C-alpha cells in the first residue's frame, strides 16, 4: 500500500520550523540533511525531523500539510511536544 507523510523539521528546540509532504520520508530526509535541494531548509539549516504523520493517500497528506501551515506557531509546538517533548531527531527511527 502506498504511503505518504506530512512532517515537521526544526533547526533546534523551539527554533525555525518547516512543514512538508512526501511519499518517501526516508529519502526526503536524506535530501534535507545533505542539503541536496536548494531552498528554505538549506538556507536556514532546518534538518531535525521532530514530527511526522503517515497517510494511506497523498491527497490526505497534502490536505493535512495545508491545514498545519495555517496553524499558529504555538499549535505546531504543542503538536511536536505532545509526542516528542525533547525535540529528538526522529530520523534515526525511520525504517526505509
C-alpha atoms as a PDB file:
ATOM      1  CA  UNK A   1       0.000   0.000   0.000  1.00  0.00           C
ATOM      2  CA  UNK A   2       1.428   3.413  -0.934  1.00  0.00           C
ATOM      3  CA  UNK A   3       2.243   5.694   1.963  1.00  0.00           C
ATOM      4  CA  UNK A   4       2.536   9.441   2.238  1.00  0.00           C
ATOM      5  CA  UNK A   5       3.788  11.638   5.028  1.00  0.00           C
ATOM      6  CA  UNK A   6       3.452  15.141   6.384  1.00  0.00           C
ATOM      7  CA  UNK A   7       6.403  16.129   8.532  1.00  0.00           C
ATOM      8  CA  UNK A   8       7.838  18.933  10.625  1.00  0.00           C
ATOM      9  CA  UNK A   9      11.523  19.803  10.689  1.00  0.00           C
ATOM     10  CA  UNK A  10      13.193  22.122  13.201  1.00  0.00           C
ATOM     11  CA  UNK A  11      16.521  23.904  13.313  1.00  0.00           C
ATOM     12  CA  UNK A  12      16.665  23.275  17.090  1.00  0.00           C
ATOM     13  CA  UNK A  13      14.253  23.087  20.026  1.00  0.00           C
ATOM     14  CA  UNK A  14      11.801  25.985  19.633  1.00  0.00           C
ATOM     15  CA  UNK A  15      13.738  27.065  16.528  1.00  0.00           C
ATOM     16  CA  UNK A  16      12.732  27.593  12.920  1.00  0.00           C
ATOM     17  CA  UNK A  17      10.051  25.147  11.707  1.00  0.00           C
ATOM     18  CA  UNK A  18       9.347  23.714   8.269  1.00  0.00           C
ATOM     19  CA  UNK A  19       6.339  21.615   7.243  1.00  0.00           C
ATOM     20  CA  UNK A  20       6.496  19.370   4.200  1.00  0.00           C
ATOM     21  CA  UNK A  21       4.859  16.420   2.493  1.00  0.00           C
ATOM     22  CA  UNK A  22       6.402  13.443   0.701  1.00  0.00           C
ATOM     23  CA  UNK A  23       5.780   9.902  -0.474  1.00  0.00           C
ATOM     24  CA  UNK A  24       9.179   8.730   0.796  1.00  0.00           C
ATOM     25  CA  UNK A  25      10.088  10.214   4.154  1.00  0.00           C
ATOM     26  CA  UNK A  26      13.447   8.464   4.460  1.00  0.00           C
ATOM     27  CA  UNK A  27      14.651   9.683   1.045  1.00  0.00           C
ATOM     28  CA  UNK A  28      13.313  13.177   1.640  1.00  0.00           C
ATOM     29  CA  UNK A  29      15.112  13.385   4.976  1.00  0.00           C
ATOM     30  CA  UNK A  30      18.375  12.374   3.307  1.00  0.00           C
ATOM     31  CA  UNK A  31      17.843  15.223   0.850  1.00  0.00           C
ATOM     32  CA  UNK A  32      17.197  17.725   3.653  1.00  0.00           C
ATOM     33  CA  UNK A  33      20.084  16.553   5.840  1.00  0.00           C
ATOM     34  CA  UNK A  34      22.572  16.611   2.965  1.00  0.00           C
ATOM     35  CA  UNK A  35      21.370  19.964   1.561  1.00  0.00           C
ATOM     36  CA  UNK A  36      20.694  18.358  -1.812  1.00  0.00           C
ATOM     37  CA  UNK A  37      17.768  20.627  -2.635  1.00  0.00           C
ATOM     38  CA  UNK A  38      18.050  24.412  -2.635  1.00  0.00           C
ATOM     39  CA  UNK A  39      15.501  26.245  -0.553  1.00  0.00           C
ATOM     40  CA  UNK A  40      14.284  27.108   2.903  1.00  0.00           C
ATOM     41  CA  UNK A  41      15.657  24.121   4.821  1.00  0.00           C
ATOM     42  CA  UNK A  42      19.122  24.517   3.330  1.00  0.00           C
ATOM     43  CA  UNK A  43      19.198  28.296   3.813  1.00  0.00           C
ATOM     44  CA  UNK A  44      18.094  28.123   7.458  1.00  0.00           C
ATOM     45  CA  UNK A  45      19.674  24.752   8.426  1.00  0.00           C
ATOM     46  CA  UNK A  46      16.345  23.143   9.285  1.00  0.00           C
ATOM     47  CA  UNK A  47      17.277  19.455   9.341  1.00  0.00           C
ATOM     48  CA  UNK A  48      15.898  17.828  12.503  1.00  0.00           C
ATOM     49  CA  UNK A  49      12.808  15.646  11.978  1.00  0.00           C
ATOM     50  CA  UNK A  50      10.712  16.335  15.074  1.00  0.00           C
ATOM     51  CA  UNK A  51       7.253  15.145  13.973  1.00  0.00           C
ATOM     52  CA  UNK A  52       5.549  13.188  11.220  1.00  0.00           C
ATOM     53  CA  UNK A  53       2.208  11.600  10.358  1.00  0.00           C
ATOM     54  CA  UNK A  54       1.590   8.788   7.881  1.00  0.00           C
ATOM     55  CA  UNK A  55      -1.323   8.640   5.428  1.00  0.00           C
ATOM     56  CA  UNK A  56      -2.574   5.980   3.039  1.00  0.00           C
ATOM     57  CA  UNK A  57      -3.067   8.524   0.257  1.00  0.00           C
ATOM     58  CA  UNK A  58      -1.047  11.553  -0.838  1.00  0.00           C
ATOM     59  CA  UNK A  59      -4.174  13.706  -1.102  1.00  0.00           C
ATOM     60  CA  UNK A  60      -4.838  13.335   2.637  1.00  0.00           C
ATOM     61  CA  UNK A  61      -1.222  14.200   3.481  1.00  0.00           C
ATOM     62  CA  UNK A  62      -1.405  17.320   1.299  1.00  0.00           C
ATOM     63  CA  UNK A  63      -4.654  18.380   2.978  1.00  0.00           C
ATOM     64  CA  UNK A  64      -3.075  17.943   6.414  1.00  0.00           C
ATOM     65  CA  UNK A  65       0.042  19.871   5.356  1.00  0.00           C
ATOM     66  CA  UNK A  66      -2.089  22.809   4.190  1.00  0.00           C
ATOM     67  CA  UNK A  67      -4.064  22.705   7.431  1.00  0.00           C
ATOM     68  CA  UNK A  68      -0.924  22.684   9.595  1.00  0.00           C
ATOM     69  CA  UNK A  69       0.686  25.530   7.649  1.00  0.00           C
ATOM     70  CA  UNK A  70      -2.282  27.716   8.623  1.00  0.00           C
ATOM     71  CA  UNK A  71      -1.818  26.981  12.334  1.00  0.00           C
ATOM     72  CA  UNK A  72      -0.378  29.390  14.843  1.00  0.00           C
ATOM     73  CA  UNK A  73       3.226  28.619  15.788  1.00  0.00           C
ATOM     74  CA  UNK A  74       2.261  27.569  19.328  1.00  0.00           C
ATOM     75  CA  UNK A  75      -0.156  24.943  17.980  1.00  0.00           C
ATOM     76  CA  UNK A  76       2.707  23.409  15.979  1.00  0.00           C
ATOM     77  CA  UNK A  77       4.966  23.430  19.027  1.00  0.00           C
ATOM     78  CA  UNK A  78       2.242  21.800  21.122  1.00  0.00           C
ATOM     79  CA  UNK A  79       1.809  19.078  18.485  1.00  0.00           C
ATOM     80  CA  UNK A  80       5.547  18.350  18.470  1.00  0.00           C
ATOM     81  CA  UNK A  81       5.867  18.332  22.247  1.00  0.00           C
ATOM     82  CA  UNK A  82       2.878  16.037  22.725  1.00  0.00           C
ATOM     83  CA  UNK A  83       4.836  13.080  21.280  1.00  0.00           C
ATOM     84  CA  UNK A  84       8.400  14.421  21.246  1.00  0.00           C
ATOM     85  CA  UNK A  85       8.898  16.712  24.272  1.00  0.00           C
ATOM     86  CA  UNK A  86      12.692  16.661  23.961  1.00  0.00           C
ATOM     87  CA  UNK A  87      12.570  17.521  20.231  1.00  0.00           C
ATOM     88  CA  UNK A  88      14.684  14.461  19.404  1.00  0.00           C
ATOM     89  CA  UNK A  89      15.599  13.873  15.773  1.00  0.00           C
ATOM     90  CA  UNK A  90      13.275  11.066  14.648  1.00  0.00           C
ATOM     91  CA  UNK A  91      15.289  10.373  11.517  1.00  0.00           C
ATOM     92  CA  UNK A  92      17.175   7.511  13.161  1.00  0.00           C
ATOM     93  CA  UNK A  93      13.873   5.797  13.965  1.00  0.00           C
ATOM     94  CA  UNK A  94      12.724   5.672  10.342  1.00  0.00           C
ATOM     95  CA  UNK A  95      12.578   2.373   8.507  1.00  0.00           C
ATOM     96  CA  UNK A  96      13.468   2.972   4.888  1.00  0.00           C
END
